[in-house]
Amino acid sequence: MTGYAAIGAADVPVAVTGMAGQPEFREVMLEGRRDALDVERLAAEVDERVDALARAHPDLGALVIECTDLVPFAHRIQARLGVPVFDIVTLTTMAYASLTRRPYRPAV
């Protein structure tokens, strides 16, 4: 048993999209042809991919950002789609918080 079946999620639909075809992302992030990132241009590219994903999968229930370069757009993506957005930063924050609990202290 491998993949989603191993965790009891064999029937969970998964849709994947990518940024490799987007010029700003490709030129700066993937190919390193430029150091200067045009954030507004990248934001428009993210919007285009998110919108295409939403059109293809109108029942989308959540989104996972695999690329750490796109985490700054998580809020924008969530506002656009209205679904939970997960990424390695939120996972790390959750793991850290679960390991560093403090005793409850009522307000005085």
C-alpha atoms as a PDB file:
ATOM      1  CA  MET A   1       0.000   0.000   0.000  1.00  0.00           C
ATOM      2  CA  THR A   2       1.443   3.341  -1.038  1.00  0.00           C
ATOM      3  CA  GLY A   3       0.489   6.957  -1.490  1.00  0.00           C
ATOM      4  CA  TYR A   4      -2.909   8.182  -0.404  1.00  0.00           C
ATOM      5  CA  ALA A   5      -4.204   4.639   0.087  1.00  0.00           C
ATOM      6  CA  ALA A   6      -1.666   4.165   2.881  1.00  0.00           C
ATOM      7  CA  ILE A   7      -3.359   6.930   4.881  1.00  0.00           C
ATOM      8  CA  GLY A   8      -6.925   5.992   4.008  1.00  0.00           C
ATOM      9  CA  ALA A   9      -7.355   8.746   1.461  1.00  0.00           C
ATOM     10  CA  ALA A  10      -7.308   6.812  -1.810  1.00  0.00           C
ATOM     11  CA  ASP A  11     -10.593   8.419  -2.882  1.00  0.00           C
ATOM     12  CA  VAL A  12      -9.601  12.012  -2.082  1.00  0.00           C
ATOM     13  CA  PRO A  13      -9.460  13.935  -5.359  1.00  0.00           C
ATOM     14  CA  VAL A  14      -6.196  15.757  -5.979  1.00  0.00           C
ATOM     15  CA  ALA A  15      -5.555  18.458  -8.572  1.00  0.00           C
ATOM     16  CA  VAL A  16      -2.105  19.812  -9.357  1.00  0.00           C
ATOM     17  CA  THR A  17      -1.006  22.963 -11.115  1.00  0.00           C
ATOM     18  CA  GLY A  18       2.398  24.544 -11.489  1.00  0.00           C
ATOM     19  CA  MET A  19       4.211  27.788 -12.019  1.00  0.00           C
ATOM     20  CA  ALA A  20       6.967  26.588 -14.378  1.00  0.00           C
ATOM     21  CA  GLY A  21       5.177  28.076 -17.388  1.00  0.00           C
ATOM     22  CA  GLN A  22       4.870  31.511 -15.817  1.00  0.00           C
ATOM     23  CA  PRO A  23       7.632  33.862 -17.086  1.00  0.00           C
ATOM     24  CA  GLU A  24       8.375  35.818 -13.893  1.00  0.00           C
ATOM     25  CA  PHE A  25       8.451  32.689 -11.745  1.00  0.00           C
ATOM     26  CA  ARG A  26      10.506  30.728 -14.280  1.00  0.00           C
ATOM     27  CA  GLU A  27      13.051  33.459 -15.046  1.00  0.00           C
ATOM     28  CA  VAL A  28      13.713  34.443 -11.423  1.00  0.00           C
ATOM     29  CA  MET A  29      12.950  31.365  -9.313  1.00  0.00           C
ATOM     30  CA  LEU A  30      13.741  28.450 -11.597  1.00  0.00           C
ATOM     31  CA  GLU A  31      16.374  29.732 -14.005  1.00  0.00           C
ATOM     32  CA  GLY A  32      17.980  32.510 -11.943  1.00  0.00           C
ATOM     33  CA  ARG A  33      18.301  34.715 -15.019  1.00  0.00           C
ATOM     34  CA  ARG A  34      17.482  37.789 -12.956  1.00  0.00           C
ATOM     35  CA  ASP A  35      17.897  38.751  -9.308  1.00  0.00           C
ATOM     36  CA  ALA A  36      15.176  41.394  -9.247  1.00  0.00           C
ATOM     37  CA  LEU A  37      11.697  39.997  -8.721  1.00  0.00           C
ATOM     38  CA  ASP A  38       8.679  41.919  -9.979  1.00  0.00           C
ATOM     39  CA  VAL A  39       6.281  41.051  -7.149  1.00  0.00           C
ATOM     40  CA  GLU A  40       3.207  42.445  -8.893  1.00  0.00           C
ATOM     41  CA  ARG A  41       3.965  40.438 -12.019  1.00  0.00           C
ATOM     42  CA  LEU A  42       4.466  37.276  -9.954  1.00  0.00           C
ATOM     43  CA  ALA A  43       1.229  37.990  -8.057  1.00  0.00           C
ATOM     44  CA  ALA A  44      -0.627  38.213 -11.381  1.00  0.00           C
ATOM     45  CA  GLU A  45       0.907  34.892 -12.444  1.00  0.00           C
ATOM     46  CA  VAL A  46      -0.169  33.280  -9.161  1.00  0.00           C
ATOM     47  CA  ASP A  47      -3.681  34.673  -9.653  1.00  0.00           C
ATOM     48  CA  GLU A  48      -3.819  33.213 -13.170  1.00  0.00           C
ATOM     49  CA  ARG A  49      -2.828  29.724 -11.992  1.00  0.00           C
ATOM     50  CA  VAL A  50      -5.178  29.845  -8.986  1.00  0.00           C
ATOM     51  CA  ASP A  51      -8.075  31.000 -11.171  1.00  0.00           C
ATOM     52  CA  ALA A  52      -7.382  28.243 -13.725  1.00  0.00           C
ATOM     53  CA  LEU A  53      -7.307  25.651 -10.942  1.00  0.00           C
ATOM     54  CA  ALA A  54     -10.577  26.960  -9.502  1.00  0.00           C
ATOM     55  CA  ARG A  55     -12.252  26.905 -12.927  1.00  0.00           C
ATOM     56  CA  ALA A  56     -11.143  23.325 -13.526  1.00  0.00           C
ATOM     57  CA  HIS A  57     -12.075  22.213 -10.001  1.00  0.00           C
ATOM     58  CA  PRO A  58     -14.959  24.331  -8.652  1.00  0.00           C
ATOM     59  CA  ASP A  59     -15.359  21.976  -5.681  1.00  0.00           C
ATOM     60  CA  LEU A  60     -11.801  22.622  -4.469  1.00  0.00           C
ATOM     61  CA  GLY A  61     -11.744  22.185  -0.687  1.00  0.00           C
ATOM     62  CA  ALA A  62      -8.186  23.255   0.195  1.00  0.00           C
ATOM     63  CA  LEU A  63      -4.933  24.233  -1.435  1.00  0.00           C
ATOM     64  CA  VAL A  64      -1.370  23.214  -0.576  1.00  0.00           C
ATOM     65  CA  ILE A  65       1.468  25.514  -1.613  1.00  0.00           C
ATOM     66  CA  GLU A  66       4.441  23.264  -2.281  1.00  0.00           C
ATOM     67  CA  CYS A  67       6.892  26.030  -3.189  1.00  0.00           C
ATOM     68  CA  THR A  68       8.278  28.125  -0.340  1.00  0.00           C
ATOM     69  CA  ASP A  69       8.706  31.032  -2.774  1.00  0.00           C
ATOM     70  CA  LEU A  70       4.915  31.281  -3.020  1.00  0.00           C
ATOM     71  CA  VAL A  71       4.123  31.317   0.720  1.00  0.00           C
ATOM     72  CA  PRO A  72       3.940  35.144   0.746  1.00  0.00           C
ATOM     73  CA  PHE A  73       0.907  34.784  -1.549  1.00  0.00           C
ATOM     74  CA  ALA A  74      -1.003  32.430   0.787  1.00  0.00           C
ATOM     75  CA  HIS A  75      -3.304  35.180   2.081  1.00  0.00           C
ATOM     76  CA  ARG A  76      -3.999  36.379  -1.454  1.00  0.00           C
ATOM     77  CA  ILE A  77      -4.777  32.823  -2.583  1.00  0.00           C
ATOM     78  CA  GLN A  78      -7.051  32.193   0.397  1.00  0.00           C
ATOM     79  CA  ALA A  79      -8.933  35.446  -0.188  1.00  0.00           C
ATOM     80  CA  ARG A  80      -9.361  34.523  -3.843  1.00  0.00           C
ATOM     81  CA  LEU A  81     -10.512  30.922  -3.288  1.00  0.00           C
ATOM     82  CA  GLY A  82     -12.143  31.054   0.127  1.00  0.00           C
ATOM     83  CA  VAL A  83     -10.591  27.724   1.173  1.00  0.00           C
ATOM     84  CA  PRO A  84      -7.882  26.727   3.664  1.00  0.00           C
ATOM     85  CA  VAL A  85      -4.354  27.227   2.312  1.00  0.00           C
ATOM     86  CA  PHE A  86      -1.518  25.139   3.712  1.00  0.00           C
ATOM     87  CA  ASP A  87       2.246  25.397   3.260  1.00  0.00           C
ATOM     88  CA  ILE A  88       5.492  24.372   4.967  1.00  0.00           C
ATOM     89  CA  VAL A  89       5.546  27.589   7.028  1.00  0.00           C
ATOM     90  CA  THR A  90       2.114  26.917   8.568  1.00  0.00           C
ATOM     91  CA  LEU A  91       3.090  23.278   9.114  1.00  0.00           C
ATOM     92  CA  THR A  92       6.305  24.313  10.875  1.00  0.00           C
ATOM     93  CA  THR A  93       4.435  26.878  12.982  1.00  0.00           C
ATOM     94  CA  MET A  94       1.847  24.263  13.966  1.00  0.00           C
ATOM     95  CA  ALA A  95       4.528  21.697  14.836  1.00  0.00           C
ATOM     96  CA  TYR A  96       6.466  24.264  16.887  1.00  0.00           C
ATOM     97  CA  ALA A  97       3.332  25.384  18.749  1.00  0.00           C
ATOM     98  CA  SER A  98       2.432  21.786  19.551  1.00  0.00           C
ATOM     99  CA  LEU A  99       5.872  21.217  21.069  1.00  0.00           C
ATOM    100  CA  THR A 100       6.178  24.448  23.075  1.00  0.00           C
ATOM    101  CA  ARG A 101       2.924  24.634  25.043  1.00  0.00           C
ATOM    102  CA  ARG A 102       2.852  26.945  28.029  1.00  0.00           C
ATOM    103  CA  PRO A 103       0.805  26.444  31.200  1.00  0.00           C
ATOM    104  CA  TYR A 104      -2.516  28.262  31.205  1.00  0.00           C
ATOM    105  CA  ARG A 105      -2.439  31.476  33.239  1.00  0.00           C
ATOM    106  CA  PRO A 106      -5.753  33.279  33.681  1.00  0.00           C
ATOM    107  CA  ALA A 107      -5.763  37.041  33.204  1.00  0.00           C
ATOM    108  CA  VAL A 108      -5.504  38.908  36.456  1.00  0.00           C
END
